[in-house]
Amino acid sequence: MPISICVTCGTQFASTDSPPDRCPICEDERQYVPPGGQEWTTLDALQQTHHTVIKPQEPGLIGIGVHPEFAIGQRALLVQTPEGNLLWDCVSLIDDPTIAVVRALGGMRAIAISHPHYYSSMVEWSQVFDAPIYIHEAEHRWVMYPDPAIDFWEGETYRLFGGLTLIRCGGHFEGGQVLHWPAGAEGNGALLSGDIIQVVPDSRYVSFMYSYPNLIPLSAATVEHIAAAVEPYPFDRIYGAWWPRVVPSGAHEAVVRSADRYVRALRGEVGATREEARASTTGR
């Protein structure tokens, strides 16, 4: 029986006799169904037309993307620790060359995913590497391919191995999570955020949204909650969901500054925000 993958969001569904009638993830207001309607592919078909791109991001961090770009276009990140590797977020494509490279890099002990838009072929990856998948329990209903390997954790933080910590931020999705990697950024700490905390083109800043394609903002209280959730953790760098979306340094301050700018914008104080932002970044 075919295992269908949504062409728009890249999510793999459980095996069925025919492609699903609908994709609940795309029908949700945080995503969209294209004007031409829902389309499906399979992993076999994707392997014939696409390949992975694997390249280092910094010592101990390897990016895994898909070329040509597929669905939402995110890249995953393989975090290497002395206690095992973790795959952060996921992509729809997995094939023999990719498996060989990841095994040579030490394989993976676990998978953790920021939110449902990046579930992609997580079960396929999990089965290949015999790795549990850590997702916040608030996102249970968005899992389109149920599997015993999925561990729905509860609470606000979850300690993994190698010093890694999952932090529930909410916002974009109720159970939206980010990963704190204390060894990242030359030991100054890094945050792997997907788009729960979105790195914007001006990499001195981040932003926060309920829906990115449909431009639906979050409330001031929710943005303040996200900033407060990560505030206790030291991090100098943020890796967003796409190759160029990185805050290379000063990331902790960028989250504070950006949350303040967002809240001021909701209050109609955009001009004041820009002046404060200029002052706060002098000398950087």
Protein backbone atom coordinates (compact mmCIF):
# COMPACT_ATOMS: atom_id res chain seq x y z
CA MET A 1 0.00 0.00 0.00
CA PRO A 2 1.33 3.49 -0.80
CA ILE A 3 2.60 5.79 1.91
CA SER A 4 1.61 9.24 0.72
CA ILE A 5 3.50 12.49 1.25
CA CYS A 6 1.73 15.85 1.01
CA VAL A 7 3.43 17.92 -1.69
CA THR A 8 2.55 21.22 0.02
CA CYS A 9 3.71 20.60 3.61
CA GLY A 10 5.87 17.50 3.08
CA THR A 11 4.13 15.41 5.75
CA GLN A 12 4.16 11.64 5.31
CA PHE A 13 0.88 9.89 6.14
CA ALA A 14 0.26 6.36 7.34
CA SER A 15 -0.14 3.62 4.72
CA THR A 16 -3.51 3.59 2.94
CA ASP A 17 -5.05 1.92 -0.13
CA SER A 18 -5.14 5.30 -1.90
CA PRO A 19 -3.92 8.84 -1.17
CA PRO A 20 -5.79 10.57 1.66
CA ASP A 21 -8.74 12.80 0.79
CA ARG A 22 -7.25 15.73 2.66
CA CYS A 23 -4.26 17.01 4.60
CA PRO A 24 -5.42 18.41 7.98
CA ILE A 25 -2.08 20.19 8.44
CA CYS A 26 -2.54 22.14 5.20
CA GLU A 27 -6.23 22.81 5.88
CA ASP A 28 -5.32 24.48 9.16
CA GLU A 29 -5.11 28.28 8.97
CA ARG A 30 -1.38 28.19 9.73
CA GLN A 31 -0.75 26.50 6.38
CA TYR A 32 -2.74 26.39 3.12
CA VAL A 33 -4.07 24.20 0.33
CA PRO A 34 -2.83 25.47 -3.06
CA PRO A 35 -5.36 26.87 -5.55
CA GLY A 36 -4.93 23.75 -7.68
CA GLY A 37 -5.91 21.51 -4.80
CA GLN A 38 -4.22 18.88 -2.68
CA GLU A 39 -1.41 16.89 -4.32
CA TRP A 40 0.43 13.78 -3.17
CA THR A 41 3.67 11.99 -3.88
CA THR A 42 5.55 9.05 -2.34
CA LEU A 43 9.02 8.53 -0.95
CA ASP A 44 9.90 6.32 -3.93
CA ALA A 45 8.90 9.06 -6.35
CA LEU A 46 10.74 11.71 -4.35
CA GLN A 47 13.93 9.64 -4.42
CA GLN A 48 13.84 9.72 -8.24
CA THR A 49 13.64 13.51 -8.53
CA HIS A 50 15.42 14.89 -5.45
CA HIS A 51 18.56 14.37 -3.41
CA THR A 52 19.79 15.53 -0.03
CA VAL A 53 22.36 18.24 0.59
CA ILE A 54 24.49 17.60 3.67
CA LYS A 55 26.95 20.21 4.92
CA PRO A 56 28.53 21.31 8.21
CA GLN A 57 27.12 24.40 9.92
CA GLU A 58 29.70 24.54 12.72
CA PRO A 59 31.67 21.91 14.65
CA GLY A 60 29.17 19.34 15.90
CA LEU A 61 26.27 20.53 13.74
CA ILE A 62 25.40 19.16 10.29
CA GLY A 63 22.66 20.51 8.04
CA ILE A 64 20.52 18.14 5.95
CA GLY A 65 18.36 19.67 3.22
CA VAL A 66 16.57 18.59 0.05
CA HIS A 67 17.37 19.69 -3.51
CA PRO A 68 15.49 20.83 -5.48
CA GLU A 69 13.54 22.46 -2.65
CA PHE A 70 10.50 20.43 -1.65
CA ALA A 71 7.33 21.47 0.20
CA ILE A 72 8.12 24.09 2.88
CA GLY A 73 11.82 23.82 2.13
CA GLN A 74 13.28 23.54 5.63
CA ARG A 75 16.54 21.77 6.42
CA ALA A 76 17.13 19.46 9.37
CA LEU A 77 20.08 19.68 11.75
CA LEU A 78 22.09 16.77 13.14
CA VAL A 79 23.46 17.72 16.55
CA GLN A 80 26.49 15.69 17.58
CA THR A 81 27.17 15.13 21.29
CA PRO A 82 29.51 12.74 23.16
CA GLU A 83 26.40 10.83 24.28
CA GLY A 84 24.91 10.42 20.80
CA ASN A 85 23.45 12.46 17.97
CA LEU A 86 20.03 14.09 17.73
CA LEU A 87 18.19 15.00 14.54
CA TRP A 88 16.45 18.33 14.99
CA ASP A 89 13.45 18.82 12.72
CA CYS A 90 13.18 16.57 9.69
CA VAL A 91 12.87 16.44 5.90
CA SER A 92 10.66 14.34 3.65
CA LEU A 93 13.47 12.63 1.76
CA ILE A 94 15.61 9.79 3.05
CA ASP A 95 17.62 7.49 0.78
CA ASP A 96 20.56 5.08 0.90
CA PRO A 97 23.32 7.69 0.31
CA THR A 98 21.88 9.89 3.08
CA ILE A 99 21.66 6.95 5.47
CA ALA A 100 25.30 6.04 4.77
CA VAL A 101 26.51 9.59 5.47
CA VAL A 102 24.51 9.90 8.69
CA ARG A 103 25.78 6.53 9.90
CA ALA A 104 29.34 7.66 9.18
CA LEU A 105 28.65 10.74 11.31
CA GLY A 106 27.63 8.54 14.21
CA GLY A 107 23.99 7.80 13.39
CA MET A 108 21.33 9.24 15.63
CA ARG A 109 20.10 8.44 19.10
CA ALA A 110 16.90 10.46 18.90
CA ILE A 111 14.78 12.86 16.85
CA ALA A 112 13.02 16.01 18.10
CA ILE A 113 10.82 18.25 15.98
CA SER A 114 9.82 21.85 16.59
CA HIS A 115 6.23 21.66 15.32
CA PRO A 116 3.93 19.78 12.90
CA HIS A 117 5.04 21.56 9.71
CA TYR A 118 8.37 19.73 9.96
CA TYR A 119 7.18 16.24 10.89
CA SER A 120 7.71 15.27 7.22
CA SER A 121 9.03 11.66 7.04
CA MET A 122 9.98 11.47 10.72
CA VAL A 123 8.71 7.89 11.17
CA GLU A 124 10.76 6.72 8.17
CA TRP A 125 13.90 8.29 9.68
CA SER A 126 13.05 6.85 13.09
CA GLN A 127 12.68 3.32 11.76
CA VAL A 128 15.97 3.44 9.86
CA PHE A 129 17.98 4.61 12.87
CA ASP A 130 15.87 3.01 15.62
CA ALA A 131 15.48 6.44 17.20
CA PRO A 132 12.64 7.72 19.41
CA ILE A 133 10.87 10.91 18.34
CA TYR A 134 10.27 13.62 20.96
CA ILE A 135 7.20 15.78 20.38
CA HIS A 136 5.25 17.81 22.91
CA GLU A 137 1.99 16.15 23.97
CA ALA A 138 0.00 19.23 22.89
CA GLU A 139 0.64 18.27 19.25
CA HIS A 140 -0.78 14.75 19.45
CA ARG A 141 -3.63 15.43 17.00
CA TRP A 142 -1.28 16.65 14.26
CA VAL A 143 0.59 13.36 13.92
CA MET A 144 -0.55 11.89 10.60
CA TYR A 145 1.59 8.76 10.87
CA PRO A 146 1.22 7.32 14.40
CA ASP A 147 4.07 5.10 15.55
CA PRO A 148 5.21 3.60 18.89
CA ALA A 149 8.53 5.45 18.55
CA ILE A 150 6.83 8.80 19.16
CA ASP A 151 7.33 10.00 22.74
CA PHE A 152 4.83 12.72 23.65
CA TRP A 153 6.49 14.55 26.53
CA GLU A 154 4.64 16.80 28.98
CA GLY A 155 5.52 19.98 30.80
CA GLU A 156 7.59 23.02 29.89
CA THR A 157 11.09 21.56 29.52
CA TYR A 158 12.54 18.13 28.84
CA ARG A 159 16.16 17.16 29.44
CA LEU A 160 17.67 14.88 26.83
CA PHE A 161 21.22 13.53 26.59
CA GLY A 162 24.43 15.44 25.93
CA GLY A 163 23.17 18.53 27.77
CA LEU A 164 20.36 19.07 25.25
CA THR A 165 17.06 20.51 26.49
CA LEU A 166 13.69 20.84 24.78
CA ILE A 167 11.84 24.03 25.72
CA ARG A 168 8.14 24.39 25.06
CA CYS A 169 7.53 27.92 23.79
CA GLY A 170 4.09 27.60 22.19
CA GLY A 171 3.07 30.44 19.91
CA HIS A 172 3.09 29.20 16.34
CA PHE A 173 1.72 25.90 17.70
CA GLU A 174 0.59 25.18 21.24
CA GLY A 175 3.32 22.61 21.75
CA GLY A 176 5.93 24.41 19.66
CA GLN A 177 9.38 23.61 21.02
CA VAL A 178 12.95 24.78 20.56
CA LEU A 179 16.20 22.97 21.37
CA HIS A 180 18.92 24.39 23.60
CA TRP A 181 22.40 23.12 22.68
CA PRO A 182 24.86 24.40 25.30
CA ALA A 183 27.96 23.28 23.37
CA GLY A 184 26.96 25.28 20.29
CA ALA A 185 28.47 28.59 19.18
CA GLU A 186 31.92 27.68 20.44
CA GLY A 187 30.55 26.79 23.86
CA ASN A 188 28.47 29.94 24.23
CA GLY A 189 25.25 28.04 23.54
CA ALA A 190 22.93 27.84 20.55
CA LEU A 191 19.18 27.66 20.14
CA LEU A 192 17.68 25.55 17.34
CA SER A 193 14.32 27.15 16.81
CA GLY A 194 12.68 25.98 13.58
CA ASP A 195 10.27 28.86 13.08
CA ILE A 196 8.86 28.89 16.61
CA ILE A 197 11.34 31.76 16.91
CA GLN A 198 11.76 32.89 13.32
CA VAL A 199 15.08 34.29 12.13
CA VAL A 200 14.27 37.12 9.70
CA PRO A 201 16.37 38.44 6.78
CA ASP A 202 17.97 41.02 9.07
CA SER A 203 19.75 38.40 11.16
CA ARG A 204 20.11 40.75 14.12
CA TYR A 205 16.45 40.05 14.78
CA VAL A 206 13.86 37.32 15.10
CA SER A 207 10.09 37.37 14.94
CA PHE A 208 7.05 35.37 15.98
CA MET A 209 3.84 34.50 14.13
CA TYR A 210 0.77 32.32 14.47
CA SER A 211 0.66 31.80 10.69
CA TYR A 212 3.54 32.72 8.41
CA PRO A 213 1.94 32.11 4.99
CA ASN A 214 -1.30 33.79 6.04
CA LEU A 215 0.38 36.55 8.09
CA ILE A 216 -1.62 36.05 11.29
CA PRO A 217 0.17 37.62 14.27
CA LEU A 218 0.44 36.40 17.83
CA SER A 219 -0.72 38.34 20.86
CA ALA A 220 1.68 40.45 22.91
CA ALA A 221 1.26 38.12 25.89
CA THR A 222 2.20 35.07 23.80
CA VAL A 223 5.34 36.70 22.44
CA GLU A 224 6.36 37.75 25.93
CA HIS A 225 5.83 34.15 27.06
CA ILE A 226 8.12 32.84 24.30
CA ALA A 227 10.88 35.27 25.26
CA ALA A 228 10.48 34.35 28.93
CA ALA A 229 10.65 30.60 28.16
CA VAL A 230 14.13 30.84 26.65
CA GLU A 231 15.46 33.64 28.87
CA PRO A 232 17.08 31.35 31.49
CA TYR A 233 19.22 29.58 28.87
CA PRO A 234 22.53 31.00 27.64
CA PHE A 235 22.80 31.11 23.84
CA ASP A 236 24.76 33.32 21.50
CA ARG A 237 23.47 31.86 18.21
CA ILE A 238 20.11 30.83 16.75
CA TYR A 239 19.61 28.40 13.89
CA GLY A 240 16.25 28.88 12.18
CA ALA A 241 14.56 26.49 9.77
CA TRP A 242 16.37 27.34 6.51
CA TRP A 243 20.02 27.43 5.46
CA PRO A 244 20.59 31.21 5.61
CA ARG A 245 18.35 31.88 8.62
CA VAL A 246 20.94 32.14 11.38
CA VAL A 247 21.59 34.76 14.05
CA PRO A 248 25.37 34.31 14.24
CA SER A 249 25.98 36.14 17.51
CA GLY A 250 24.19 38.18 20.14
CA ALA A 251 21.15 35.94 19.78
CA HIS A 252 19.97 36.10 23.39
CA GLU A 253 19.81 39.88 23.22
CA ALA A 254 18.18 39.66 19.78
CA VAL A 255 15.24 37.68 21.21
CA VAL A 256 14.70 40.22 23.99
CA ARG A 257 15.03 43.17 21.62
CA SER A 258 12.77 41.57 19.00
CA ALA A 259 10.04 40.63 21.48
CA ASP A 260 10.05 44.20 22.72
CA ARG A 261 9.84 45.52 19.14
CA TYR A 262 6.95 43.15 18.36
CA VAL A 263 4.94 44.20 21.41
CA ARG A 264 5.58 47.89 20.71
CA ALA A 265 4.44 47.40 17.11
CA LEU A 266 1.15 45.93 18.33
CA ARG A 267 0.73 49.08 20.44
CA GLY A 268 1.36 51.32 17.44
CA GLU A 269 4.82 52.35 18.64
CA VAL A 270 6.81 51.13 15.63
CA GLY A 271 8.80 54.34 15.27
CA ALA A 272 9.93 54.19 18.89
CA THR A 273 10.93 50.58 18.42
CA ARG A 274 13.20 51.44 15.51
CA GLU A 275 14.95 54.17 17.46
CA GLU A 276 15.52 51.86 20.39
CA ALA A 277 16.74 49.11 18.10
CA ARG A 278 19.30 51.47 16.55
CA ALA A 279 20.55 52.48 19.97
CA SER A 280 20.75 48.91 21.24
CA THR A 281 22.78 47.70 18.24
CA THR A 282 25.32 50.53 18.18
CA GLY A 283 28.79 49.10 17.89
CA ARG A 284 27.72 45.63 16.75
